[in-house]
Amino acid sequence: MGFELAISNVSHSYGKVRALEDVSVTLREGEILAVIGPSGCGKSTLLGIVGGLVAPSSGSVSLLGETPSGTLNPFTFIFQDFALLPWRTVAGNVSLPLEHHPIGAADRAARVADALARTGLADFAGALPKQLSGGMRQRVGIARALVVKPAVFLMDEPLSALDGQTRELLMDDFEDIWKREKTTGIYVTHNLDEAIRMADRVMVLRRRPGRVREIVNVPTPRGERREPEHQAAMRRLHEQLWDNIREEAKMADREVIHG
């Protein structure tokens, strides 16, 4: 039967600062929703609310229907700074979220081995994070998310700390995983090209308080978006998104510099 993630009329304030205002969107199983907008529009706050890290001032987040078989956590995060424990090996970091669940040692080992295999890390299980490149460390973060088989991945600018070449490689990895796993997720990013390449829909938030300006469909299938015949359509979509946020992005930039 599947499931849906319903974000309904979510608003949030930090004291007198209104971060989000009446945000609503429904995410279908197997769909990636990118969230973009100028700095300070509440993208990360929204992700924290969905994942249960922040209680909204008003509104609700509901997971409706049947989650995938084997799901241990309904939501799991992939962070931009990797958030790895430096004293744990790759396998130890990946197994960490399983330690809060009453599963047997054999099941735990099988889940870890499977997650490492799916992210190309099987040969690095005993390595420490300091021994890995930035891209490899982020793959550990992805494996740690996969190991609990979440219903929804919550990705907070997962590629922003990486150089351009590594970012391209990780986008390839994401595409492969999402095609294989039929992943459902929310992907927060400042990068419009990432949003267009990764998402099925792109939600544009206005500057603080963050409100939904527009939700844009990306009609070209994900695996075909870099083909030459689709480049003109991808450029038009990029221009449409940039037109939506350009002036508010300028305002946010001036606020950061002079505020």
Protein backbone atom coordinates (compact mmCIF):
# COMPACT_ATOMS: atom_id res chain seq x y z
CA MET A 1 0.00 0.00 0.00
CA GLY A 2 2.91 2.37 0.60
CA PHE A 3 3.03 5.57 2.58
CA GLU A 4 2.96 9.35 2.39
CA LEU A 5 4.70 12.02 4.43
CA ALA A 6 2.29 14.87 5.12
CA ILE A 7 3.70 18.21 6.29
CA SER A 8 0.67 20.27 7.26
CA ASN A 9 0.63 23.99 8.06
CA VAL A 10 3.99 23.90 9.83
CA SER A 11 5.13 27.16 11.43
CA HIS A 12 7.98 27.79 13.83
CA SER A 13 9.46 30.67 15.81
CA TYR A 14 12.73 31.08 17.70
CA GLY A 15 11.65 33.61 20.29
CA LYS A 16 10.52 36.66 18.31
CA VAL A 17 12.05 35.41 15.07
CA ARG A 18 9.54 33.69 12.79
CA ALA A 19 11.50 31.00 10.90
CA LEU A 20 8.69 29.17 9.06
CA GLU A 21 5.15 30.13 8.18
CA ASP A 22 2.38 27.71 7.19
CA VAL A 23 4.45 25.23 5.16
CA SER A 24 2.48 22.34 3.66
CA VAL A 25 3.55 19.63 1.24
CA THR A 26 2.89 15.91 0.81
CA LEU A 27 5.74 13.62 -0.16
CA ARG A 28 4.89 10.38 -1.92
CA GLU A 29 6.76 7.12 -1.38
CA GLY A 30 9.70 6.86 -3.76
CA GLU A 31 9.87 10.63 -4.31
CA ILE A 32 12.78 13.00 -3.66
CA LEU A 33 11.75 16.54 -2.75
CA ALA A 34 14.49 19.18 -2.90
CA VAL A 35 14.09 22.29 -0.74
CA ILE A 36 15.81 25.48 -1.85
CA GLY A 37 15.61 29.14 -0.92
CA PRO A 38 17.72 32.08 0.23
CA SER A 39 19.82 31.87 3.39
CA GLY A 40 17.69 32.10 6.51
CA CYS A 41 14.49 30.79 4.92
CA GLY A 42 14.17 27.90 7.39
CA LYS A 43 15.27 24.94 5.24
CA SER A 44 17.23 23.21 7.99
CA THR A 45 14.57 24.08 10.58
CA LEU A 46 11.96 22.36 8.43
CA LEU A 47 14.18 19.29 8.13
CA GLY A 48 14.67 19.23 11.91
CA ILE A 49 10.92 19.42 12.46
CA VAL A 50 10.26 16.54 10.05
CA GLY A 51 12.93 14.43 11.77
CA GLY A 52 11.64 15.16 15.26
CA LEU A 53 14.62 17.22 16.41
CA VAL A 54 12.54 20.41 16.63
CA ALA A 55 8.94 20.67 17.86
CA PRO A 56 7.00 23.02 15.56
CA SER A 57 5.25 26.03 17.04
CA SER A 58 2.18 24.89 15.12
CA GLY A 59 1.23 22.41 12.44
CA SER A 60 2.04 18.72 12.15
CA VAL A 61 4.14 16.08 10.39
CA SER A 62 2.54 12.70 9.78
CA LEU A 63 3.78 9.48 8.19
CA LEU A 64 0.67 7.85 6.76
CA GLY A 65 0.44 4.24 5.59
CA GLU A 66 2.78 1.28 5.74
CA THR A 67 6.53 1.89 5.93
CA PRO A 68 8.92 -0.45 4.06
CA SER A 69 9.61 -3.89 5.49
CA GLY A 70 12.59 -3.90 7.84
CA THR A 71 12.41 -0.20 8.68
CA LEU A 72 13.88 0.48 12.13
CA ASN A 73 13.77 4.29 12.06
CA PRO A 74 11.08 6.12 10.10
CA PHE A 75 13.48 9.04 9.50
CA THR A 76 17.25 9.27 9.35
CA PHE A 77 19.62 12.16 8.63
CA ILE A 78 22.58 12.57 6.32
CA PHE A 79 24.51 15.67 7.44
CA GLN A 80 26.86 18.01 5.57
CA ASP A 81 29.65 17.61 8.16
CA PHE A 82 29.49 13.76 8.12
CA ALA A 83 28.98 13.61 11.95
CA LEU A 84 31.21 10.56 12.36
CA LEU A 85 32.76 9.41 15.63
CA PRO A 86 36.53 9.66 15.00
CA TRP A 87 37.45 6.86 17.40
CA ARG A 88 35.14 4.35 15.72
CA THR A 89 35.93 2.41 12.59
CA VAL A 90 33.80 2.67 9.47
CA ALA A 91 31.84 -0.42 10.53
CA GLY A 92 31.54 0.94 14.06
CA ASN A 93 30.07 4.22 12.83
CA VAL A 94 27.63 2.43 10.56
CA SER A 95 26.47 0.12 13.36
CA LEU A 96 25.89 2.97 15.82
CA PRO A 97 22.16 3.56 15.11
CA LEU A 98 21.49 -0.18 15.44
CA GLU A 99 22.69 -0.20 19.04
CA HIS A 100 19.44 1.44 20.14
CA HIS A 101 17.34 -1.38 18.72
CA PRO A 102 16.73 -4.84 20.23
CA ILE A 103 18.17 -6.85 17.35
CA GLY A 104 20.55 -9.79 17.53
CA ALA A 105 24.25 -9.69 16.78
CA ALA A 106 23.86 -11.68 13.56
CA ASP A 107 21.15 -9.33 12.24
CA ARG A 108 23.27 -6.31 13.19
CA ALA A 109 26.33 -7.70 11.43
CA ALA A 110 24.30 -8.57 8.33
CA ARG A 111 22.78 -5.09 8.15
CA VAL A 112 26.18 -3.42 8.51
CA ALA A 113 27.77 -5.65 5.88
CA ASP A 114 24.89 -4.97 3.49
CA ALA A 115 25.07 -1.19 3.99
CA LEU A 116 28.84 -1.20 3.46
CA ALA A 117 28.49 -3.28 0.30
CA ARG A 118 25.82 -0.97 -1.11
CA THR A 119 28.03 2.10 -0.63
CA GLY A 120 31.29 0.58 -1.86
CA LEU A 121 32.84 0.50 1.62
CA ALA A 122 33.19 -3.24 2.22
CA ASP A 123 36.99 -3.05 1.93
CA PHE A 124 37.19 -0.13 4.38
CA ALA A 125 35.22 -1.56 7.31
CA GLY A 126 38.20 -1.38 9.67
CA ALA A 127 39.42 2.09 8.67
CA LEU A 128 39.08 5.16 10.87
CA PRO A 129 37.41 8.33 9.53
CA LYS A 130 40.73 10.24 9.55
CA GLN A 131 42.08 7.72 7.04
CA LEU A 132 39.33 8.48 4.52
CA SER A 133 38.76 11.24 1.97
CA GLY A 134 35.80 13.58 2.36
CA GLY A 135 33.82 11.66 -0.20
CA MET A 136 34.49 8.37 1.54
CA ARG A 137 33.48 9.86 4.90
CA GLN A 138 30.19 10.97 3.40
CA ARG A 139 29.68 7.46 2.02
CA VAL A 140 29.99 6.26 5.62
CA GLY A 141 27.22 8.72 6.52
CA ILE A 142 25.09 7.30 3.72
CA ALA A 143 25.75 3.72 4.85
CA ARG A 144 24.85 4.68 8.42
CA ALA A 145 21.53 5.99 7.12
CA LEU A 146 20.89 2.91 4.97
CA VAL A 147 21.53 0.47 7.82
CA VAL A 148 18.23 1.27 9.58
CA LYS A 149 16.29 1.07 6.28
CA PRO A 150 14.43 4.34 6.94
CA ALA A 151 11.16 5.29 5.32
CA VAL A 152 12.44 8.82 4.63
CA PHE A 153 15.99 10.14 4.24
CA LEU A 154 16.53 13.69 5.50
CA MET A 155 19.54 15.22 3.76
CA ASP A 156 20.88 18.56 5.00
CA GLU A 157 23.21 19.85 2.27
CA PRO A 158 25.03 16.50 2.18
CA LEU A 159 27.48 17.55 -0.55
CA SER A 160 28.27 21.15 0.39
CA ALA A 161 31.52 20.31 2.24
CA LEU A 162 32.99 18.48 -0.76
CA ASP A 163 35.01 19.66 -3.76
CA GLY A 164 33.40 19.74 -7.19
CA GLN A 165 34.76 16.43 -8.49
CA THR A 166 33.83 14.57 -5.30
CA ARG A 167 30.39 16.15 -5.37
CA GLU A 168 29.85 14.79 -8.88
CA LEU A 169 30.90 11.30 -7.78
CA LEU A 170 28.59 11.39 -4.77
CA MET A 171 25.67 12.53 -6.93
CA ASP A 172 26.32 9.49 -9.10
CA ASP A 173 26.26 7.37 -5.93
CA PHE A 174 23.02 8.94 -4.76
CA GLU A 175 21.40 8.33 -8.13
CA ASP A 176 22.43 4.67 -8.10
CA ILE A 177 21.22 4.13 -4.55
CA TRP A 178 17.92 5.92 -5.10
CA LYS A 179 17.21 3.95 -8.26
CA ARG A 180 18.03 0.67 -6.52
CA GLU A 181 16.32 1.43 -3.19
CA LYS A 182 13.33 3.44 -4.49
CA THR A 183 14.36 6.04 -1.92
CA THR A 184 12.03 8.62 -0.41
CA GLY A 185 13.72 11.76 0.85
CA ILE A 186 13.92 15.49 1.48
CA TYR A 187 17.07 17.05 0.08
CA VAL A 188 17.98 20.52 1.40
CA THR A 189 20.49 22.39 -0.74
CA HIS A 190 21.66 25.85 -1.83
CA ASN A 191 22.81 24.40 -5.16
CA LEU A 192 20.18 24.72 -7.88
CA ASP A 193 21.94 22.25 -10.19
CA GLU A 194 21.95 19.64 -7.41
CA ALA A 195 18.26 20.21 -6.79
CA ILE A 196 17.39 19.80 -10.47
CA ARG A 197 19.53 16.71 -10.88
CA MET A 198 18.49 14.96 -7.66
CA ALA A 199 14.81 15.76 -7.13
CA ASP A 200 11.45 14.81 -8.56
CA ARG A 201 10.04 18.11 -7.28
CA VAL A 202 11.68 21.28 -5.99
CA MET A 203 10.04 23.32 -3.23
CA VAL A 204 11.10 26.96 -3.22
CA LEU A 205 10.86 28.76 0.12
CA ARG A 206 10.64 32.51 0.53
CA ARG A 207 12.98 34.45 2.76
CA ARG A 208 12.24 34.54 6.50
CA PRO A 209 9.71 33.59 7.53
CA GLY A 210 10.03 30.64 5.18
CA ARG A 211 6.85 30.16 3.19
CA VAL A 212 6.22 28.05 0.10
CA ARG A 213 6.69 30.24 -2.96
CA GLU A 214 6.34 27.46 -5.52
CA ILE A 215 6.70 23.70 -5.95
CA VAL A 216 8.22 22.88 -9.33
CA ASN A 217 8.08 19.49 -11.03
CA VAL A 218 11.19 18.09 -12.74
CA PRO A 219 9.53 16.10 -15.53
CA THR A 220 12.62 14.55 -17.12
CA PRO A 221 13.47 11.13 -15.62
CA ARG A 222 16.44 11.39 -13.24
CA GLY A 223 18.70 9.08 -15.23
CA GLU A 224 18.21 11.11 -18.44
CA ARG A 225 18.78 14.65 -17.19
CA ARG A 226 22.38 14.91 -18.32
CA GLU A 227 21.64 13.70 -21.85
CA PRO A 228 22.27 16.36 -24.54
CA GLU A 229 18.67 16.44 -25.69
CA HIS A 230 17.49 17.52 -22.24
CA GLN A 231 20.08 20.24 -21.54
CA ALA A 232 17.96 23.10 -22.85
CA ALA A 233 15.04 22.06 -20.63
CA MET A 234 17.35 21.74 -17.62
CA ARG A 235 18.73 25.26 -18.23
CA ARG A 236 15.22 26.68 -18.45
CA LEU A 237 14.31 25.00 -15.19
CA HIS A 238 17.45 26.39 -13.55
CA GLU A 239 16.54 29.89 -14.76
CA GLN A 240 12.99 29.50 -13.46
CA LEU A 241 14.23 28.53 -10.00
CA TRP A 242 16.84 31.30 -9.92
CA ASP A 243 14.25 33.88 -10.98
CA ASN A 244 12.18 32.76 -7.98
CA ILE A 245 14.91 33.39 -5.41
CA ARG A 246 17.32 35.93 -6.97
CA GLU A 247 16.09 39.13 -5.27
CA GLU A 248 15.61 37.50 -1.87
CA ALA A 249 19.03 35.84 -2.16
CA LYS A 250 20.55 39.30 -2.70
CA MET A 251 18.75 40.59 0.38
CA ALA A 252 19.93 37.63 2.45
CA ASP A 253 23.51 38.14 1.25
CA ARG A 254 23.45 41.79 2.28
CA GLU A 255 22.00 40.81 5.64
CA VAL A 256 24.84 38.33 6.22
CA ILE A 257 27.49 40.89 5.29
CA HIS A 258 26.09 43.92 7.10
CA GLY A 259 23.88 42.37 9.77
